[in-house]
Amino acid sequence: SAETPPAFAKVQPPAENGGFPAVPRDEEPDCREFFP
């Protein structure tokens, strides 16, 4: 029943980020990050 968190946009990693996979900005956030 807790309030659902807002849909925060995830930041696009820069090309020189050491090879981390890019995440689309419009991806729906995983609520488990906010409600463990």
PDB file of all heavy atoms in Angstrom:
ATOM      1  N   SER A   1       0.810  -1.211   0.000  1.00  0.00           N
ATOM      2  CA  SER A   1       0.000   0.000   0.000  1.00  0.00           C
ATOM      3  C   SER A   1       0.847   1.266   0.000  1.00  0.00           C
ATOM      4  O   SER A   1       0.314   2.370  -0.065  1.00  0.00           O
ATOM      5  CB  SER A   1      -0.929   0.013   1.216  1.00  0.00           C
ATOM      6  OG  SER A   1      -0.176   0.057   2.421  1.00  0.00           O
ATOM      7  N   ALA A   2       2.160   1.086   0.092  1.00  0.00           N
ATOM      8  CA  ALA A   2       3.057   2.253   0.076  1.00  0.00           C
ATOM      9  C   ALA A   2       2.976   2.938  -1.278  1.00  0.00           C
ATOM     10  O   ALA A   2       2.681   2.328  -2.299  1.00  0.00           O
ATOM     11  CB  ALA A   2       4.495   1.814   0.371  1.00  0.00           C
ATOM     12  N   GLU A   3       3.235   4.230  -1.274  1.00  0.00           N
ATOM     13  CA  GLU A   3       3.145   5.006  -2.506  1.00  0.00           C
ATOM     14  C   GLU A   3       4.173   4.545  -3.519  1.00  0.00           C
ATOM     15  O   GLU A   3       5.335   4.337  -3.200  1.00  0.00           O
ATOM     16  CB  GLU A   3       3.364   6.487  -2.195  1.00  0.00           C
ATOM     17  CG  GLU A   3       3.232   7.380  -3.424  1.00  0.00           C
ATOM     18  CD  GLU A   3       3.436   8.834  -3.063  1.00  0.00           C
ATOM     19  OE1 GLU A   3       3.585   9.123  -1.869  1.00  0.00           O
ATOM     20  OE2 GLU A   3       3.457   9.662  -3.986  1.00  0.00           O
ATOM     21  N   THR A   4       3.755   4.344  -4.746  1.00  0.00           N
ATOM     22  CA  THR A   4       4.667   3.943  -5.816  1.00  0.00           C
ATOM     23  C   THR A   4       5.613   5.099  -6.130  1.00  0.00           C
ATOM     24  O   THR A   4       5.175   6.237  -6.286  1.00  0.00           O
ATOM     25  CB  THR A   4       3.890   3.558  -7.084  1.00  0.00           C
ATOM     26  OG1 THR A   4       2.982   2.506  -6.759  1.00  0.00           O
ATOM     27  CG2 THR A   4       4.845   3.115  -8.194  1.00  0.00           C
ATOM     28  N   PRO A   5       6.908   4.852  -6.244  1.00  0.00           N
ATOM     29  CA  PRO A   5       7.860   5.932  -6.498  1.00  0.00           C
ATOM     30  C   PRO A   5       7.698   6.473  -7.909  1.00  0.00           C
ATOM     31  O   PRO A   5       7.201   5.797  -8.796  1.00  0.00           O
ATOM     32  CB  PRO A   5       9.218   5.240  -6.332  1.00  0.00           C
ATOM     33  CG  PRO A   5       8.937   3.810  -6.677  1.00  0.00           C
ATOM     34  CD  PRO A   5       7.545   3.549  -6.151  1.00  0.00           C
ATOM     35  N   PRO A   6       8.105   7.714  -8.145  1.00  0.00           N
ATOM     36  CA  PRO A   6       8.013   8.282  -9.492  1.00  0.00           C
ATOM     37  C   PRO A   6       8.940   7.567 -10.453  1.00  0.00           C
ATOM     38  O   PRO A   6       9.918   6.953 -10.044  1.00  0.00           O
ATOM     39  CB  PRO A   6       8.450   9.742  -9.283  1.00  0.00           C
ATOM     40  CG  PRO A   6       9.287   9.700  -8.045  1.00  0.00           C
ATOM     41  CD  PRO A   6       8.678   8.649  -7.169  1.00  0.00           C
ATOM     42  N   ALA A   7       8.622   7.646 -11.738  1.00  0.00           N
ATOM     43  CA  ALA A   7       9.413   6.969 -12.761  1.00  0.00           C
ATOM     44  C   ALA A   7      10.628   7.814 -13.098  1.00  0.00           C
ATOM     45  O   ALA A   7      10.590   8.662 -13.992  1.00  0.00           O
ATOM     46  CB  ALA A   7       8.553   6.729 -14.006  1.00  0.00           C
ATOM     47  N   PHE A   8      11.686   7.596 -12.345  1.00  0.00           N
ATOM     48  CA  PHE A   8      12.904   8.361 -12.585  1.00  0.00           C
ATOM     49  C   PHE A   8      13.603   7.837 -13.843  1.00  0.00           C
ATOM     50  O   PHE A   8      13.719   6.641 -14.045  1.00  0.00           O
ATOM     51  CB  PHE A   8      13.860   8.246 -11.395  1.00  0.00           C
ATOM     52  CG  PHE A   8      13.338   8.859 -10.140  1.00  0.00           C
ATOM     53  CD1 PHE A   8      12.945   8.067  -9.082  1.00  0.00           C
ATOM     54  CD2 PHE A   8      13.224  10.246 -10.017  1.00  0.00           C
ATOM     55  CE1 PHE A   8      12.470   8.623  -7.915  1.00  0.00           C
ATOM     56  CE2 PHE A   8      12.745  10.808  -8.857  1.00  0.00           C
ATOM     57  CZ  PHE A   8      12.354   9.996  -7.801  1.00  0.00           C
ATOM     58  N   ALA A   9      14.048   8.753 -14.708  1.00  0.00           N
ATOM     59  CA  ALA A   9      14.785   8.352 -15.907  1.00  0.00           C
ATOM     60  C   ALA A   9      16.196   7.960 -15.513  1.00  0.00           C
ATOM     61  O   ALA A   9      16.832   8.624 -14.701  1.00  0.00           O
ATOM     62  CB  ALA A   9      14.824   9.497 -16.905  1.00  0.00           C
ATOM     63  N   LYS A  10      16.667   6.848 -16.061  1.00  0.00           N
ATOM     64  CA  LYS A  10      18.020   6.410 -15.788  1.00  0.00           C
ATOM     65  C   LYS A  10      18.981   7.103 -16.759  1.00  0.00           C
ATOM     66  O   LYS A  10      18.686   7.291 -17.927  1.00  0.00           O
ATOM     67  CB  LYS A  10      18.132   4.892 -15.911  1.00  0.00           C
ATOM     68  CG  LYS A  10      17.301   4.162 -14.860  1.00  0.00           C
ATOM     69  CD  LYS A  10      17.580   2.674 -14.856  1.00  0.00           C
ATOM     70  CE  LYS A  10      16.795   1.992 -13.750  1.00  0.00           C
ATOM     71  NZ  LYS A  10      17.057   0.538 -13.698  1.00  0.00           N
ATOM     72  N   VAL A  11      20.122   7.465 -16.255  1.00  0.00           N
ATOM     73  CA  VAL A  11      21.096   8.225 -17.042  1.00  0.00           C
ATOM     74  C   VAL A  11      21.784   7.305 -18.034  1.00  0.00           C
ATOM     75  O   VAL A  11      22.213   6.206 -17.692  1.00  0.00           O
ATOM     76  CB  VAL A  11      22.135   8.879 -16.116  1.00  0.00           C
ATOM     77  CG1 VAL A  11      23.193   9.609 -16.932  1.00  0.00           C
ATOM     78  CG2 VAL A  11      21.446   9.813 -15.136  1.00  0.00           C
ATOM     79  N   GLN A  12      21.886   7.779 -19.297  1.00  0.00           N
ATOM     80  CA  GLN A  12      22.592   7.023 -20.332  1.00  0.00           C
ATOM     81  C   GLN A  12      24.089   7.056 -20.044  1.00  0.00           C
ATOM     82  O   GLN A  12      24.686   8.137 -19.954  1.00  0.00           O
ATOM     83  CB  GLN A  12      22.319   7.646 -21.700  1.00  0.00           C
ATOM     84  CG  GLN A  12      22.966   6.882 -22.848  1.00  0.00           C
ATOM     85  CD  GLN A  12      22.204   5.619 -23.173  1.00  0.00           C
ATOM     86  OE1 GLN A  12      21.037   5.535 -22.833  1.00  0.00           O
ATOM     87  NE2 GLN A  12      22.861   4.673 -23.815  1.00  0.00           N
ATOM     88  N   PRO A  13      24.719   5.881 -19.850  1.00  0.00           N
ATOM     89  CA  PRO A  13      26.159   5.892 -19.559  1.00  0.00           C
ATOM     90  C   PRO A  13      26.936   6.441 -20.751  1.00  0.00           C
ATOM     91  O   PRO A  13      26.580   6.200 -21.902  1.00  0.00           O
ATOM     92  CB  PRO A  13      26.477   4.409 -19.340  1.00  0.00           C
ATOM     93  CG  PRO A  13      25.155   3.755 -19.086  1.00  0.00           C
ATOM     94  CD  PRO A  13      24.155   4.559 -19.869  1.00  0.00           C
ATOM     95  N   PRO A  14      27.993   7.172 -20.505  1.00  0.00           N
ATOM     96  CA  PRO A  14      28.827   7.681 -21.599  1.00  0.00           C
ATOM     97  C   PRO A  14      29.570   6.548 -22.282  1.00  0.00           C
ATOM     98  O   PRO A  14      29.728   5.474 -21.730  1.00  0.00           O
ATOM     99  CB  PRO A  14      29.785   8.646 -20.894  1.00  0.00           C
ATOM    100  CG  PRO A  14      29.844   8.145 -19.489  1.00  0.00           C
ATOM    101  CD  PRO A  14      28.474   7.615 -19.177  1.00  0.00           C
ATOM    102  N   ALA A  15      30.037   6.825 -23.504  1.00  0.00           N
ATOM    103  CA  ALA A  15      30.722   5.796 -24.275  1.00  0.00           C
ATOM    104  C   ALA A  15      31.999   5.345 -23.589  1.00  0.00           C
ATOM    105  O   ALA A  15      32.411   4.192 -23.711  1.00  0.00           O
ATOM    106  CB  ALA A  15      31.023   6.325 -25.679  1.00  0.00           C
ATOM    107  N   GLU A  16      32.621   6.250 -22.845  1.00  0.00           N
ATOM    108  CA  GLU A  16      33.886   5.902 -22.210  1.00  0.00           C
ATOM    109  C   GLU A  16      33.681   5.424 -20.769  1.00  0.00           C
ATOM    110  O   GLU A  16      34.457   5.691 -19.871  1.00  0.00           O
ATOM    111  CB  GLU A  16      34.823   7.111 -22.212  1.00  0.00           C
ATOM    112  CG  GLU A  16      34.321   8.331 -21.446  1.00  0.00           C
ATOM    113  CD  GLU A  16      33.382   9.209 -22.258  1.00  0.00           C
ATOM    114  OE1 GLU A  16      32.961   8.771 -23.341  1.00  0.00           O
ATOM    115  OE2 GLU A  16      33.076  10.309 -21.802  1.00  0.00           O
ATOM    116  N   ASN A  17      32.649   4.661 -20.583  1.00  0.00           N
ATOM    117  CA  ASN A  17      32.319   4.214 -19.219  1.00  0.00           C
ATOM    118  C   ASN A  17      32.925   2.870 -18.875  1.00  0.00           C
ATOM    119  O   ASN A  17      32.540   2.260 -17.892  1.00  0.00           O
ATOM    120  CB  ASN A  17      30.796   4.155 -19.034  1.00  0.00           C
ATOM    121  CG  ASN A  17      30.163   3.086 -19.917  1.00  0.00           C
ATOM    122  OD1 ASN A  17      30.816   2.578 -20.831  1.00  0.00           O
ATOM    123  ND2 ASN A  17      28.925   2.767 -19.641  1.00  0.00           N
ATOM    124  N   GLY A  18      33.820   2.398 -19.699  1.00  0.00           N
ATOM    125  CA  GLY A  18      34.469   1.143 -19.356  1.00  0.00           C
ATOM    126  C   GLY A  18      33.686  -0.072 -19.810  1.00  0.00           C
ATOM    127  O   GLY A  18      33.933  -1.182 -19.323  1.00  0.00           O
ATOM    128  N   GLY A  19      32.713   0.103 -20.709  1.00  0.00           N
ATOM    129  CA  GLY A  19      32.012  -1.048 -21.245  1.00  0.00           C
ATOM    130  C   GLY A  19      30.732  -1.421 -20.534  1.00  0.00           C
ATOM    131  O   GLY A  19      30.169  -2.486 -20.779  1.00  0.00           O
ATOM    132  N   PHE A  20      30.232  -0.571 -19.618  1.00  0.00           N
ATOM    133  CA  PHE A  20      28.973  -0.884 -18.947  1.00  0.00           C
ATOM    134  C   PHE A  20      27.834  -0.827 -19.957  1.00  0.00           C
ATOM    135  O   PHE A  20      27.804   0.053 -20.830  1.00  0.00           O
ATOM    136  CB  PHE A  20      28.691   0.090 -17.800  1.00  0.00           C
ATOM    137  CG  PHE A  20      29.630  -0.080 -16.645  1.00  0.00           C
ATOM    138  CD1 PHE A  20      30.644   0.848 -16.421  1.00  0.00           C
ATOM    139  CD2 PHE A  20      29.520  -1.160 -15.799  1.00  0.00           C
ATOM    140  CE1 PHE A  20      31.523   0.682 -15.375  1.00  0.00           C
ATOM    141  CE2 PHE A  20      30.385  -1.321 -14.737  1.00  0.00           C
ATOM    142  CZ  PHE A  20      31.383  -0.407 -14.532  1.00  0.00           C
ATOM    143  N   PRO A  21      26.855  -1.744 -19.887  1.00  0.00           N
ATOM    144  CA  PRO A  21      25.747  -1.743 -20.850  1.00  0.00           C
ATOM    145  C   PRO A  21      24.902  -0.490 -20.725  1.00  0.00           C
ATOM    146  O   PRO A  21      24.666   0.010 -19.626  1.00  0.00           O
ATOM    147  CB  PRO A  21      24.954  -3.001 -20.477  1.00  0.00           C
ATOM    148  CG  PRO A  21      25.291  -3.254 -19.051  1.00  0.00           C
ATOM    149  CD  PRO A  21      26.715  -2.813 -18.880  1.00  0.00           C
ATOM    150  N   ALA A  22      24.450   0.018 -21.871  1.00  0.00           N
ATOM    151  CA  ALA A  22      23.597   1.197 -21.874  1.00  0.00           C
ATOM    152  C   ALA A  22      22.187   0.820 -21.472  1.00  0.00           C
ATOM    153  O   ALA A  22      21.709  -0.271 -21.737  1.00  0.00           O
ATOM    154  CB  ALA A  22      23.586   1.811 -23.272  1.00  0.00           C
ATOM    155  N   VAL A  23      21.505   1.734 -20.769  1.00  0.00           N
ATOM    156  CA  VAL A  23      20.132   1.521 -20.308  1.00  0.00           C
ATOM    157  C   VAL A  23      19.242   2.580 -20.931  1.00  0.00           C
ATOM    158  O   VAL A  23      19.523   3.784 -20.799  1.00  0.00           O
ATOM    159  CB  VAL A  23      20.041   1.613 -18.772  1.00  0.00           C
ATOM    160  CG1 VAL A  23      18.604   1.373 -18.314  1.00  0.00           C
ATOM    161  CG2 VAL A  23      20.983   0.607 -18.129  1.00  0.00           C
ATOM    162  N   PRO A  24      18.172   2.205 -21.634  1.00  0.00           N
ATOM    163  CA  PRO A  24      17.286   3.210 -22.250  1.00  0.00           C
ATOM    164  C   PRO A  24      16.723   4.150 -21.205  1.00  0.00           C
ATOM    165  O   PRO A  24      16.381   3.751 -20.100  1.00  0.00           O
ATOM    166  CB  PRO A  24      16.194   2.349 -22.888  1.00  0.00           C
ATOM    167  CG  PRO A  24      16.806   1.001 -23.049  1.00  0.00           C
ATOM    168  CD  PRO A  24      17.761   0.835 -21.924  1.00  0.00           C
ATOM    169  N   ARG A  25      16.630   5.423 -21.574  1.00  0.00           N
ATOM    170  CA  ARG A  25      16.124   6.416 -20.644  1.00  0.00           C
ATOM    171  C   ARG A  25      14.672   6.177 -20.275  1.00  0.00           C
ATOM    172  O   ARG A  25      14.240   6.545 -19.187  1.00  0.00           O
ATOM    173  CB  ARG A  25      16.277   7.821 -21.244  1.00  0.00           C
ATOM    174  CG  ARG A  25      17.717   8.283 -21.386  1.00  0.00           C
ATOM    175  CD  ARG A  25      17.779   9.652 -22.011  1.00  0.00           C
ATOM    176  NE  ARG A  25      19.143  10.141 -22.120  1.00  0.00           N
ATOM    177  CZ  ARG A  25      19.791  10.793 -21.172  1.00  0.00           C
ATOM    178  NH1 ARG A  25      19.190  11.025 -20.030  1.00  0.00           N
ATOM    179  NH2 ARG A  25      21.027  11.205 -21.361  1.00  0.00           N
ATOM    180  N   ASP A  26      13.890   5.603 -21.204  1.00  0.00           N
ATOM    181  CA  ASP A  26      12.473   5.431 -20.934  1.00  0.00           C
ATOM    182  C   ASP A  26      12.152   4.081 -20.312  1.00  0.00           C
ATOM    183  O   ASP A  26      10.997   3.686 -20.242  1.00  0.00           O
ATOM    184  CB  ASP A  26      11.668   5.606 -22.237  1.00  0.00           C
ATOM    185  CG  ASP A  26      12.084   4.587 -23.299  1.00  0.00           C
ATOM    186  OD1 ASP A  26      13.113   3.894 -23.090  1.00  0.00           O
ATOM    187  OD2 ASP A  26      11.378   4.504 -24.332  1.00  0.00           O
ATOM    188  N   GLU A  27      13.179   3.372 -19.859  1.00  0.00           N
ATOM    189  CA  GLU A  27      12.924   2.069 -19.238  1.00  0.00           C
ATOM    190  C   GLU A  27      12.174   2.254 -17.917  1.00  0.00           C
ATOM    191  O   GLU A  27      12.481   3.142 -17.134  1.00  0.00           O
ATOM    192  CB  GLU A  27      14.242   1.328 -18.985  1.00  0.00           C
ATOM    193  CG  GLU A  27      14.051  -0.042 -18.329  1.00  0.00           C
ATOM    194  CD  GLU A  27      15.377  -0.684 -17.981  1.00  0.00           C
ATOM    195  OE1 GLU A  27      16.418  -0.098 -18.347  1.00  0.00           O
ATOM    196  OE2 GLU A  27      15.368  -1.738 -17.347  1.00  0.00           O
ATOM    197  N   GLU A  28      11.205   1.411 -17.685  1.00  0.00           N
ATOM    198  CA  GLU A  28      10.437   1.491 -16.437  1.00  0.00           C
ATOM    199  C   GLU A  28      11.352   1.112 -15.277  1.00  0.00           C
ATOM    200  O   GLU A  28      12.018   0.090 -15.313  1.00  0.00           O
ATOM    201  CB  GLU A  28       9.260   0.516 -16.493  1.00  0.00           C
ATOM    202  CG  GLU A  28       8.311   0.618 -15.300  1.00  0.00           C
ATOM    203  CD  GLU A  28       7.525   1.922 -15.273  1.00  0.00           C
ATOM    204  OE1 GLU A  28       7.393   2.548 -16.347  1.00  0.00           O
ATOM    205  OE2 GLU A  28       7.045   2.287 -14.201  1.00  0.00           O
ATOM    206  N   PRO A  29      11.405   1.923 -14.229  1.00  0.00           N
ATOM    207  CA  PRO A  29      12.303   1.597 -13.111  1.00  0.00           C
ATOM    208  C   PRO A  29      11.830   0.361 -12.374  1.00  0.00           C
ATOM    209  O   PRO A  29      10.637   0.089 -12.277  1.00  0.00           O
ATOM    210  CB  PRO A  29      12.210   2.842 -12.216  1.00  0.00           C
ATOM    211  CG  PRO A  29      10.889   3.436 -12.533  1.00  0.00           C
ATOM    212  CD  PRO A  29      10.672   3.180 -14.007  1.00  0.00           C
ATOM    213  N   ASP A  30      12.795  -0.396 -11.854  1.00  0.00           N
ATOM    214  CA  ASP A  30      12.497  -1.589 -11.073  1.00  0.00           C
ATOM    215  C   ASP A  30      12.153  -1.159  -9.650  1.00  0.00           C
ATOM    216  O   ASP A  30      12.999  -0.639  -8.930  1.00  0.00           O
ATOM    217  CB  ASP A  30      13.711  -2.517 -11.064  1.00  0.00           C
ATOM    218  CG  ASP A  30      13.408  -3.847 -10.400  1.00  0.00           C
ATOM    219  OD1 ASP A  30      12.334  -3.987  -9.778  1.00  0.00           O
ATOM    220  OD2 ASP A  30      14.256  -4.748 -10.508  1.00  0.00           O
ATOM    221  N   CYS A  31      10.914  -1.384  -9.249  1.00  0.00           N
ATOM    222  CA  CYS A  31      10.466  -0.916  -7.934  1.00  0.00           C
ATOM    223  C   CYS A  31      11.206  -1.596  -6.793  1.00  0.00           C
ATOM    224  O   CYS A  31      11.187  -1.115  -5.667  1.00  0.00           O
ATOM    225  CB  CYS A  31       8.955  -1.137  -7.779  1.00  0.00           C
ATOM    226  SG  CYS A  31       7.967  -0.081  -8.849  1.00  0.00           S
ATOM    227  N   ARG A  32      11.844  -2.737  -7.079  1.00  0.00           N
ATOM    228  CA  ARG A  32      12.574  -3.405  -6.001  1.00  0.00           C
ATOM    229  C   ARG A  32      13.737  -2.551  -5.517  1.00  0.00           C
ATOM    230  O   ARG A  32      14.195  -2.708  -4.378  1.00  0.00           O
ATOM    231  CB  ARG A  32      13.090  -4.760  -6.490  1.00  0.00           C
ATOM    232  CG  ARG A  32      11.973  -5.793  -6.693  1.00  0.00           C
ATOM    233  CD  ARG A  32      12.511  -7.055  -7.309  1.00  0.00           C
ATOM    234  NE  ARG A  32      13.067  -6.802  -8.642  1.00  0.00           N
ATOM    235  CZ  ARG A  32      13.612  -7.754  -9.394  1.00  0.00           C
ATOM    236  NH1 ARG A  32      13.693  -8.989  -8.949  1.00  0.00           N
ATOM    237  NH2 ARG A  32      14.076  -7.453 -10.595  1.00  0.00           N
ATOM    238  N   GLU A  33      14.199  -1.633  -6.381  1.00  0.00           N
ATOM    239  CA  GLU A  33      15.262  -0.735  -5.943  1.00  0.00           C
ATOM    240  C   GLU A  33      14.759   0.227  -4.874  1.00  0.00           C
ATOM    241  O   GLU A  33      15.517   0.707  -4.056  1.00  0.00           O
ATOM    242  CB  GLU A  33      15.800   0.053  -7.135  1.00  0.00           C
ATOM    243  CG  GLU A  33      16.458  -0.813  -8.217  1.00  0.00           C
ATOM    244  CD  GLU A  33      16.942   0.019  -9.378  1.00  0.00           C
ATOM    245  OE1 GLU A  33      16.854   1.251  -9.279  1.00  0.00           O
ATOM    246  OE2 GLU A  33      17.400  -0.557 -10.368  1.00  0.00           O
ATOM    247  N   PHE A  34      13.471   0.534  -4.909  1.00  0.00           N
ATOM    248  CA  PHE A  34      12.908   1.502  -3.973  1.00  0.00           C
ATOM    249  C   PHE A  34      12.227   0.813  -2.794  1.00  0.00           C
ATOM    250  O   PHE A  34      12.120   1.380  -1.720  1.00  0.00           O
ATOM    251  CB  PHE A  34      11.894   2.390  -4.704  1.00  0.00           C
ATOM    252  CG  PHE A  34      12.482   3.071  -5.905  1.00  0.00           C
ATOM    253  CD1 PHE A  34      12.334   2.516  -7.169  1.00  0.00           C
ATOM    254  CD2 PHE A  34      13.202   4.244  -5.769  1.00  0.00           C
ATOM    255  CE1 PHE A  34      12.887   3.139  -8.277  1.00  0.00           C
ATOM    256  CE2 PHE A  34      13.752   4.870  -6.880  1.00  0.00           C
ATOM    257  CZ  PHE A  34      13.602   4.316  -8.131  1.00  0.00           C
ATOM    258  N   PHE A  35      11.724  -0.427  -3.010  1.00  0.00           N
ATOM    259  CA  PHE A  35      11.032  -1.151  -1.944  1.00  0.00           C
ATOM    260  C   PHE A  35      11.675  -2.522  -1.759  1.00  0.00           C
ATOM    261  O   PHE A  35      11.157  -3.528  -2.211  1.00  0.00           O
ATOM    262  CB  PHE A  35       9.538  -1.332  -2.274  1.00  0.00           C
ATOM    263  CG  PHE A  35       8.766  -0.048  -2.252  1.00  0.00           C
ATOM    264  CD1 PHE A  35       8.166   0.438  -3.394  1.00  0.00           C
ATOM    265  CD2 PHE A  35       8.648   0.680  -1.081  1.00  0.00           C
ATOM    266  CE1 PHE A  35       7.455   1.618  -3.377  1.00  0.00           C
ATOM    267  CE2 PHE A  35       7.939   1.864  -1.050  1.00  0.00           C
ATOM    268  CZ  PHE A  35       7.342   2.348  -2.200  1.00  0.00           C
ATOM    269  N   PRO A  36      12.830  -2.580  -1.105  1.00  0.00           N
ATOM    270  CA  PRO A  36      13.461  -3.887  -0.893  1.00  0.00           C
ATOM    271  C   PRO A  36      12.589  -4.818  -0.058  1.00  0.00           C
ATOM    272  O   PRO A  36      12.771  -6.023  -0.076  1.00  0.00           O
ATOM    273  CB  PRO A  36      14.766  -3.522  -0.168  1.00  0.00           C
ATOM    274  CG  PRO A  36      14.509  -2.173   0.435  1.00  0.00           C
ATOM    275  CD  PRO A  36      13.593  -1.473  -0.530  1.00  0.00           C
TER     276      PRO A  36
END
